[in-house]
Protein backbone atom coordinates (compact mmCIF):
# COMPACT_ATOMS: atom_id res chain seq x y z
CA MET A 1 120.69 60.83 94.67
CA MET A 2 117.55 62.61 93.49
CA GLU A 3 114.48 61.44 95.37
CA SER A 4 111.46 60.33 93.40
CA PHE A 5 108.83 63.03 93.00
CA VAL A 6 105.68 64.00 91.14
CA PHE A 7 105.29 67.49 89.67
CA PRO A 8 101.83 68.06 88.17
CA GLY A 9 102.84 70.99 85.97
CA MET A 10 101.55 74.55 86.11
CA THR A 11 98.16 75.30 84.60
CA THR A 12 97.82 79.02 85.40
CA ARG A 13 98.94 81.42 82.67
CA VAL A 14 101.29 84.12 84.04
CA VAL A 15 101.85 87.54 82.49
CA PHE A 16 104.72 89.35 84.25
CA GLY A 17 106.26 92.77 83.64
CA SER A 18 105.68 96.52 83.86
CA GLY A 19 102.49 97.94 82.41
CA THR A 20 100.95 94.50 82.01
CA LEU A 21 97.65 95.68 83.52
CA ALA A 22 96.85 96.91 80.01
CA GLN A 23 96.72 93.28 78.86
CA ALA A 24 93.74 92.41 81.08
CA GLY A 25 91.27 92.84 78.22
CA ASP A 26 93.35 90.65 75.92
CA GLU A 27 93.44 87.94 78.58
CA LEU A 28 89.65 88.01 78.89
CA ASP A 29 89.40 87.71 75.12
CA ARG A 30 91.79 84.79 75.19
CA LEU A 31 89.48 83.05 77.68
CA GLY A 32 86.51 83.76 75.45
CA GLN A 33 84.90 85.96 78.08
CA GLY A 34 83.16 89.07 76.84
CA LYS A 35 81.72 90.12 80.20
CA ALA A 36 83.57 90.35 83.51
CA LEU A 37 82.83 91.69 86.97
CA VAL A 38 85.75 93.58 88.52
CA LEU A 39 86.38 92.87 92.22
CA SER A 40 88.20 94.93 94.84
CA THR A 41 88.16 95.98 98.48
CA PRO A 42 86.47 99.29 99.36
CA HIS A 43 89.94 100.82 99.70
CA GLN A 44 90.84 99.99 96.10
CA GLU A 45 87.47 100.80 94.51
CA GLY A 46 88.93 103.78 92.67
CA ASP A 47 91.54 101.61 90.99
CA ALA A 48 88.86 99.05 90.14
CA GLN A 49 86.74 101.76 88.51
CA LYS A 50 89.72 102.85 86.39
CA LEU A 51 90.27 99.25 85.31
CA THR A 52 86.61 98.97 84.42
CA GLU A 53 86.91 102.00 82.16
CA ALA A 54 90.00 100.54 80.51
CA LEU A 55 88.22 97.24 79.86
CA GLY A 56 85.41 99.07 78.09
CA GLY A 57 82.47 96.89 77.13
CA ARG A 58 84.09 93.81 78.64
CA ALA A 59 83.45 95.09 82.20
CA VAL A 60 79.91 94.93 83.55
CA GLY A 61 80.62 96.71 86.82
CA VAL A 62 82.55 96.68 90.10
CA PHE A 63 81.92 94.80 93.33
CA ALA A 64 84.08 96.56 95.89
CA GLY A 65 83.14 94.64 99.01
CA ALA A 66 86.00 92.13 99.35
CA ALA A 67 86.96 91.61 102.99
CA MET A 68 89.75 89.95 104.95
CA HIS A 69 89.44 86.17 105.50
CA THR A 70 86.71 85.88 102.80
CA PRO A 71 83.54 85.95 104.94
CA VAL A 72 80.81 83.75 103.46
CA GLU A 73 78.22 86.51 103.85
CA VAL A 74 80.29 88.80 101.59
CA THR A 75 80.66 86.02 99.03
CA GLU A 76 76.89 85.57 98.90
CA LYS A 77 76.39 89.26 98.13
CA ALA A 78 79.09 89.14 95.47
CA ILE A 79 77.56 86.09 93.80
CA ALA A 80 74.20 87.86 93.63
CA ALA A 81 75.89 90.81 91.91
CA PHE A 82 77.82 88.47 89.60
CA GLU A 83 74.74 86.53 88.51
CA LYS A 84 72.70 89.69 88.02
CA SER A 85 75.45 91.18 85.82
CA GLY A 86 75.46 88.29 83.35
CA ALA A 87 79.26 88.04 83.57
CA GLY A 88 81.18 84.85 82.89
CA ALA A 89 84.44 85.94 84.53
CA VAL A 90 85.80 87.93 87.45
CA VAL A 91 88.82 90.22 87.41
CA SER A 92 90.28 90.38 90.92
CA LEU A 93 92.38 93.50 91.51
CA GLY A 94 94.11 93.72 94.89
CA GLY A 95 95.60 91.58 97.63
CA GLY A 96 94.58 88.33 99.26
CA SER A 97 91.09 89.51 100.26
CA THR A 98 90.08 90.27 96.68
CA THR A 99 91.77 87.15 95.31
CA GLY A 100 89.92 85.05 97.87
CA LEU A 101 86.57 86.54 96.91
CA GLY A 102 87.21 85.81 93.24
CA LYS A 103 88.06 82.22 94.08
CA ALA A 104 84.91 81.83 96.18
CA ILE A 105 82.78 83.09 93.31
CA ALA A 106 84.54 80.83 90.80
CA LEU A 107 84.12 77.75 92.97
CA ARG A 108 80.38 78.29 93.25
CA THR A 109 79.62 79.52 89.71
CA GLY A 110 82.35 78.15 87.43
CA ALA A 111 83.50 81.68 86.52
CA ASP A 112 86.89 82.19 84.91
CA GLN A 113 89.36 84.28 86.91
CA VAL A 114 91.89 86.89 85.91
CA VAL A 115 93.81 87.88 89.04
CA ILE A 116 95.90 91.04 89.29
CA PRO A 117 97.75 91.03 92.65
CA THR A 118 98.94 94.30 94.15
CA THR A 119 100.79 92.84 97.16
CA TYR A 120 103.25 89.99 97.69
CA ALA A 121 101.06 87.80 99.94
CA GLY A 122 100.69 85.13 97.28
CA SER A 123 97.36 83.31 97.10
CA GLU A 124 96.89 83.97 93.40
CA MET A 125 98.72 80.90 92.05
CA THR A 126 96.92 78.43 94.30
CA ASP A 127 93.97 76.06 94.33
CA ILE A 128 93.36 76.99 97.98
CA LEU A 129 90.39 78.89 99.37
CA GLY A 130 90.12 79.92 103.02
CA GLU A 131 86.71 81.16 104.14
CA THR A 132 85.25 82.31 107.45
CA ALA A 133 81.82 81.64 108.86
CA GLU A 134 80.60 81.87 112.46
CA GLY A 135 84.06 82.65 113.82
CA ARG A 136 85.82 79.71 112.16
CA LYS A 137 88.10 79.64 109.15
CA THR A 138 87.99 76.58 106.92
CA THR A 139 90.30 75.78 104.04
CA ARG A 140 89.70 73.67 100.98
CA ARG A 141 91.58 72.76 97.82
CA ASP A 142 89.91 72.21 94.46
CA ALA A 143 91.05 72.54 90.86
CA ALA A 144 88.10 74.86 90.24
CA ILE A 145 89.62 77.37 92.68
CA ARG A 146 92.86 77.89 90.71
CA PRO A 147 92.77 81.07 88.56
CA GLU A 148 93.08 80.78 84.80
CA THR A 149 95.35 83.83 84.45
CA VAL A 150 97.49 85.93 86.79
CA ILE A 151 98.79 89.31 85.66
CA TYR A 152 101.77 90.62 87.63
CA ASP A 153 102.30 94.33 86.96
CA VAL A 154 105.35 95.70 88.76
CA ASP A 155 103.96 99.24 88.35
CA LEU A 156 101.01 98.43 90.62
CA THR A 157 103.38 97.74 93.51
CA LEU A 158 105.35 101.00 93.29
CA THR A 159 103.01 102.72 95.75
CA LEU A 160 102.61 99.75 98.10
CA PRO A 161 103.25 101.21 101.59
CA VAL A 162 106.48 100.08 103.23
CA GLY A 163 104.67 98.41 106.13
CA LEU A 164 102.47 96.33 103.84
CA THR A 165 105.47 95.61 101.62
CA VAL A 166 107.26 94.06 104.59
CA THR A 167 104.39 92.03 106.04
CA SER A 168 103.15 90.69 102.71
CA ALA A 169 106.72 89.64 101.85
CA MET A 170 107.02 87.81 105.17
CA ASN A 171 103.67 86.19 104.42
CA ALA A 172 105.05 84.97 101.09
CA ILE A 173 108.23 83.66 102.72
CA ALA A 174 106.02 81.51 104.96
CA HIS A 175 104.73 79.67 101.89
CA ALA A 176 108.25 78.83 100.78
CA MET A 177 109.29 77.84 104.29
CA GLU A 178 106.64 75.16 104.53
CA ALA A 179 107.24 74.07 100.94
CA PHE A 180 110.84 73.15 101.79
CA TYR A 181 109.67 70.28 104.01
CA ALA A 182 106.34 69.42 102.35
CA PRO A 183 105.93 65.70 101.64
CA ASP A 184 104.83 66.48 98.07
CA ARG A 185 107.69 68.89 97.28
CA SER A 186 109.67 68.62 94.06
CA PRO A 187 112.99 69.96 92.74
CA VAL A 188 111.11 72.56 90.69
CA ILE A 189 109.40 74.02 93.74
CA GLU A 190 112.57 73.84 95.85
CA LEU A 191 114.54 75.80 93.24
CA MET A 192 111.84 78.48 93.11
CA CYS A 193 111.81 78.74 96.90
CA ARG A 194 115.59 79.05 97.10
CA ASP A 195 115.50 81.82 94.50
CA ALA A 196 112.71 83.59 96.35
CA MET A 197 114.64 83.64 99.65
CA GLN A 198 117.61 85.35 98.04
CA ALA A 199 115.40 87.79 96.13
CA PHE A 200 113.45 88.86 99.21
CA LYS A 201 116.60 89.10 101.34
CA ALA A 202 118.10 91.55 98.86
CA GLY A 203 114.91 93.20 97.66
CA ILE A 204 113.04 94.19 100.82
CA PRO A 205 115.83 96.28 102.42
CA ALA A 206 116.29 97.96 99.03
CA LEU A 207 112.57 98.80 98.93
CA ILE A 208 112.68 100.25 102.42
CA ALA A 209 115.49 102.53 101.26
CA ASP A 210 113.68 103.43 98.00
CA PRO A 211 110.04 102.25 97.87
CA ARG A 212 109.68 103.24 94.20
CA SER A 213 112.76 101.37 92.98
CA GLN A 214 111.59 99.56 89.85
CA PRO A 215 114.31 96.88 89.92
CA ALA A 216 113.73 96.14 93.62
CA ARG A 217 109.96 95.98 93.11
CA ALA A 218 110.40 93.61 90.18
CA ARG A 219 112.68 91.38 92.25
CA ALA A 220 110.19 91.27 95.13
CA LEU A 221 107.22 90.58 92.85
CA TYR A 222 109.15 87.78 91.16
CA ALA A 223 109.89 86.30 94.59
CA ALA A 224 106.21 86.57 95.47
CA TRP A 225 105.30 84.62 92.31
CA CYS A 226 107.77 81.88 93.28
CA CYS A 227 106.33 81.63 96.79
CA SER A 228 102.74 81.69 95.58
CA THR A 229 103.52 78.88 93.16
CA ALA A 230 105.01 76.88 96.02
CA LEU A 231 101.86 77.40 98.07
CA GLY A 232 99.77 76.24 95.14
CA TYR A 233 101.62 73.02 94.40
CA VAL A 234 102.50 71.50 97.77
CA SER A 235 100.71 70.93 101.07
CA MET A 236 101.10 73.29 104.00
CA ALA A 237 101.45 72.34 107.68
CA LEU A 238 101.67 73.84 111.18
CA HIS A 239 102.47 77.43 110.26
CA HIS A 240 99.46 77.89 108.00
CA LYS A 241 97.19 76.08 110.45
CA LEU A 242 98.14 78.50 113.22
CA ALA A 243 97.74 81.53 110.95
CA HIS A 244 94.24 80.36 110.05
CA VAL A 245 93.37 79.83 113.71
CA PHE A 246 94.24 83.42 114.59
CA GLY A 247 92.74 84.92 111.44
CA GLY A 248 89.52 82.95 111.53
CA SER A 249 88.81 82.89 115.25
CA PHE A 250 90.50 86.09 116.50
CA ASP A 251 90.17 88.21 113.33
CA THR A 252 93.84 89.17 113.26
CA PRO A 253 95.19 90.78 110.07
CA HIS A 254 96.29 88.11 107.60
CA ALA A 255 99.75 89.23 106.49
CA GLU A 256 100.81 90.48 109.92
CA THR A 257 99.78 87.19 111.53
CA HIS A 258 101.88 85.18 109.09
CA ALA A 259 104.80 87.56 109.58
CA ILE A 260 104.69 87.26 113.37
CA LEU A 261 104.37 83.48 113.50
CA LEU A 262 106.98 82.76 110.82
CA PRO A 263 110.24 82.78 112.88
CA TYR A 264 108.66 80.70 115.65
CA THR A 265 107.01 78.05 113.47
CA THR A 266 110.21 77.80 111.44
CA ALA A 267 112.31 77.27 114.56
CA PHE A 268 109.84 74.71 115.90
CA ASN A 269 110.03 72.51 112.79
CA GLU A 270 113.73 73.19 112.21
CA VAL A 271 114.43 70.88 115.16
CA ALA A 272 113.07 67.99 113.09
CA VAL A 273 114.20 68.98 109.57
CA PRO A 274 117.28 71.24 109.78
CA ASP A 275 118.59 70.11 106.39
CA ALA A 276 115.32 70.89 104.64
CA LEU A 277 115.29 74.42 106.06
CA ALA A 278 119.01 75.04 105.49
CA PRO A 279 118.34 77.25 102.41
CA ILE A 280 116.60 79.73 104.72
CA ALA A 281 119.52 79.76 107.15
CA GLU A 282 121.89 80.25 104.21
CA ALA A 283 119.88 83.16 102.84
CA PHE A 284 119.17 85.03 106.09
CA GLY A 285 122.12 84.04 108.30
CA GLY A 286 121.77 84.14 112.06
CA GLY A 287 122.99 80.59 112.60
CA SER A 288 119.55 79.02 112.05
CA ALA A 289 116.50 79.37 109.83
CA GLY A 290 114.22 80.53 112.66
CA GLY A 291 116.79 82.88 114.15
CA GLY A 292 117.70 84.28 110.74
CA LEU A 293 114.07 85.05 109.92
CA TRP A 294 113.60 86.75 113.31
CA ASP A 295 116.71 88.87 112.73
CA PHE A 296 115.50 89.80 109.24
CA ALA A 297 112.02 90.64 110.55
CA ARG A 298 113.52 92.97 113.14
CA GLU A 299 115.81 94.54 110.53
CA VAL A 300 112.96 95.38 108.15
CA GLY A 301 110.50 96.47 110.85
CA SER A 302 108.12 93.55 110.69
CA PRO A 303 105.95 92.90 113.78
CA LEU A 304 107.48 90.30 116.11
CA SER A 305 104.82 89.59 118.71
CA LEU A 306 101.20 88.47 118.78
CA LYS A 307 100.62 91.32 121.23
CA GLU A 308 100.98 93.68 118.28
CA VAL A 309 97.83 92.33 116.60
CA GLY A 310 95.68 92.44 119.72
CA ILE A 311 96.13 88.90 121.04
CA THR A 312 96.05 88.68 124.83
CA GLU A 313 97.94 86.10 126.83
CA ALA A 314 94.57 84.64 127.85
CA ASP A 315 93.78 84.00 124.14
CA LEU A 316 96.70 81.59 123.79
CA ASP A 317 94.97 78.69 125.52
CA ARG A 318 91.99 78.80 123.18
CA ALA A 319 94.27 79.16 120.15
CA ALA A 320 96.24 76.09 121.24
CA ASP A 321 93.01 74.13 121.66
CA LEU A 322 91.84 75.05 118.17
CA ALA A 323 95.22 74.23 116.65
CA VAL A 324 95.06 70.60 117.78
CA GLU A 325 91.38 69.91 117.15
CA ASN A 326 92.16 68.13 113.89
CA ARG A 327 95.37 66.29 113.08
CA TYR A 328 97.38 67.23 110.01
CA SER A 329 100.75 66.41 108.53
CA ASN A 330 103.75 68.19 110.05
CA PRO A 331 107.45 67.25 110.04
CA ARG A 332 107.67 67.48 113.83
CA PRO A 333 105.06 65.65 115.93
CA PHE A 334 103.46 67.78 118.64
CA GLU A 335 100.97 67.85 121.47
CA ARG A 336 98.90 70.73 122.78
CA ALA A 337 101.60 71.67 125.30
CA ASP A 338 104.12 72.09 122.47
CA ILE A 339 101.81 74.45 120.61
CA ARG A 340 101.02 76.41 123.75
CA ALA A 341 104.76 76.90 124.39
CA LEU A 342 105.31 78.00 120.77
CA LEU A 343 102.49 80.53 121.02
CA GLN A 344 103.85 81.87 124.30
CA GLN A 345 107.16 82.59 122.62
CA ALA A 346 105.37 84.28 119.70
CA TRP A 347 103.39 86.36 122.19
CA ASP A 348 106.50 87.34 124.15
CA GLY A 349 108.32 88.21 120.91
CA THR A 350 111.64 86.72 121.99
CA ARG A 351 114.15 85.48 119.44
CA PRO A 352 113.84 81.74 118.78
CA GLY A 353 116.61 79.91 120.57
CA ALA A 354 117.38 82.83 122.85
């Protein structure tokens, strides 16, 4: 029998296809916004400048200071630039760092957001904002954080380096993994997550073989949209908490951290909810969801150990302490010793269940 559920409906407008970047101006017009500030990281400033030129009079300039984990001090500088420009909207071009900055500005100013993701990491469809200040990462959810429009342009991902392709895809898979057992899941989200697993399983090896394959890029970007939607419409648990601990307090790279933790957090919760995570085992094989994800990660060259992002064995105790400071919903109850053992396995890089 179908369980009872509540699905709030999707409020973000999605424009998906090839060449859809050209519709950014039309989307600003649709929002009634004649002035927008374009956001990017320093690395993507050139692309942001080109977008500014394409937007013509709608763009009032570029703020190219977006940084990983959305530091509050960067947000304050961006808000000053936004308010000085007279803009009413932001156009966020890039990955999770740029998307996060746009969300932080919108939350504080009421700006409309047009987000144009260039990776698969998947924060663009969510009402979630993670920010760092004084060595701590905090997360909040608010309707004002959710972007008004997301433009997915497959062409923008054709030059995404293979390494970032792999880690941002694993990051996206983590959203779907936790959505499968979320207490506020629904059949709509579960179907999207199932589809995403199959699409990533087929798409990522194809992209490694041919990084400019248009069909494979479209399949992966579609999977990323599914996973981002899952992240935006259900609550997350242990996996995301641990990723935020390492990102916020140890400054580890966002996508790589998610990729490394994913097989181990999956295996940990699979003990409690094997049926919920069965779609992952079905998609990736390996006899279990956690084992299958570890096998897939090794196959596609994803990092497998916390050592690879600079975490020392001595760091694991502090990380375990931070992870249990505040209680949160998770399908498998745990104590500090459980988390410390999980982190040891993630540091060693051994296959879950081995």
